[in-house]
Amino acid sequence: IPYNVGLEYQINRDFQIKNKDVVKQRIDNAFLSIDKVMDETLAAISSFNNNKLKGLIDNINKLKSEISNSTNCFVSDNFDNF
């Protein structure tokens, strides 16, 4: 391999690794924001102490769990094995 090709490969490799870390951090922050909003929503709904809202609370908890599972799968598939 010519020297310039090897050098360019190393420069691009470092950039891609750093870029991956930045993208992963932004994704983590976005999902943490979603989780925070869902927690605040659950707290607000739970404060009403209304039995009719129990189904809504259960659905929000289920959605939160599905989002968490999807997020973990996405991150592990795309970033952990990089």
Protein backbone atom coordinates (compact mmCIF):
# COMPACT_ATOMS: atom_id res chain seq x y z
CA ILE A 1 0.00 0.00 0.00
CA PRO A 2 1.41 3.41 -0.87
CA TYR A 3 2.18 5.63 2.10
CA ASN A 4 -0.51 8.23 1.23
CA VAL A 5 -3.21 5.57 1.02
CA GLY A 6 -2.28 4.21 4.45
CA LEU A 7 -2.15 7.71 5.92
CA GLU A 8 -5.53 8.64 4.47
CA TYR A 9 -7.00 5.40 5.82
CA GLN A 10 -5.74 6.16 9.33
CA ILE A 11 -7.03 9.74 9.26
CA ASN A 12 -10.48 8.66 8.06
CA ARG A 13 -10.55 5.80 10.58
CA ASP A 14 -9.99 8.17 13.51
CA PHE A 15 -12.65 10.54 12.17
CA GLN A 16 -15.21 7.74 11.80
CA ILE A 17 -14.56 6.47 15.33
CA LYS A 18 -14.94 9.96 16.81
CA ASN A 19 -18.04 10.58 14.67
CA LYS A 20 -19.59 7.32 15.91
CA ASP A 21 -19.11 8.40 19.52
CA VAL A 22 -20.75 11.79 18.86
CA VAL A 23 -23.72 10.21 17.08
CA LYS A 24 -24.15 7.61 19.83
CA GLN A 25 -24.09 10.34 22.49
CA ARG A 26 -26.73 12.36 20.63
CA ILE A 27 -28.96 9.31 20.27
CA ASP A 28 -28.56 8.51 23.97
CA ASN A 29 -29.45 12.11 24.87
CA ALA A 30 -32.52 12.06 22.61
CA PHE A 31 -33.83 8.86 24.16
CA LEU A 32 -33.12 10.16 27.67
CA SER A 33 -35.22 13.22 26.81
CA ILE A 34 -38.05 10.99 25.62
CA ASP A 35 -37.80 8.94 28.81
CA LYS A 36 -37.88 12.09 30.94
CA VAL A 37 -40.99 13.41 29.16
CA MET A 38 -42.75 10.06 29.62
CA ASP A 39 -41.86 10.03 33.33
CA GLU A 40 -43.21 13.56 33.73
CA THR A 41 -46.39 12.59 31.87
CA LEU A 42 -46.86 9.55 34.10
CA ALA A 43 -46.36 11.65 37.21
CA ALA A 44 -48.90 14.22 36.03
CA ILE A 45 -51.51 11.60 35.14
CA SER A 46 -50.91 9.64 38.35
CA SER A 47 -51.50 12.76 40.43
CA PHE A 48 -55.19 12.72 39.49
CA ASN A 49 -55.83 9.49 41.45
CA ASN A 50 -58.49 8.47 38.99
CA ASN A 51 -59.08 4.75 38.44
CA LYS A 52 -60.24 5.43 34.87
CA LEU A 53 -56.74 6.61 34.00
CA LYS A 54 -55.13 3.33 35.07
CA GLY A 55 -55.44 1.95 31.52
CA LEU A 56 -53.72 5.01 30.12
CA ILE A 57 -50.93 4.71 32.65
CA ASP A 58 -50.46 1.03 31.77
CA ASN A 59 -50.33 1.89 28.06
CA ILE A 60 -47.73 4.61 28.66
CA ASN A 61 -45.61 2.21 30.71
CA LYS A 62 -45.88 -0.40 27.96
CA LEU A 63 -44.89 2.18 25.31
CA LYS A 64 -41.98 3.31 27.46
CA SER A 65 -40.78 -0.29 27.77
CA GLU A 66 -41.09 -0.88 24.01
CA ILE A 67 -39.14 2.30 23.24
CA SER A 68 -36.44 1.29 25.71
CA ASN A 69 -36.13 -2.19 24.19
CA SER A 70 -36.03 -0.81 20.64
CA THR A 71 -33.41 1.74 21.64
CA ASN A 72 -31.21 -0.85 23.30
CA CYS A 73 -31.44 -3.13 20.25
CA PHE A 74 -30.65 -0.27 17.87
CA VAL A 75 -27.65 0.88 19.86
CA SER A 76 -26.28 -2.63 20.32
CA ASP A 77 -26.75 -3.49 16.63
CA ASN A 78 -25.26 -0.30 15.26
CA PHE A 79 -22.72 0.98 17.76
CA ASP A 80 -21.51 -1.67 20.20
CA ASN A 81 -19.85 -3.87 17.55
CA PHE A 82 -18.29 -0.98 15.63
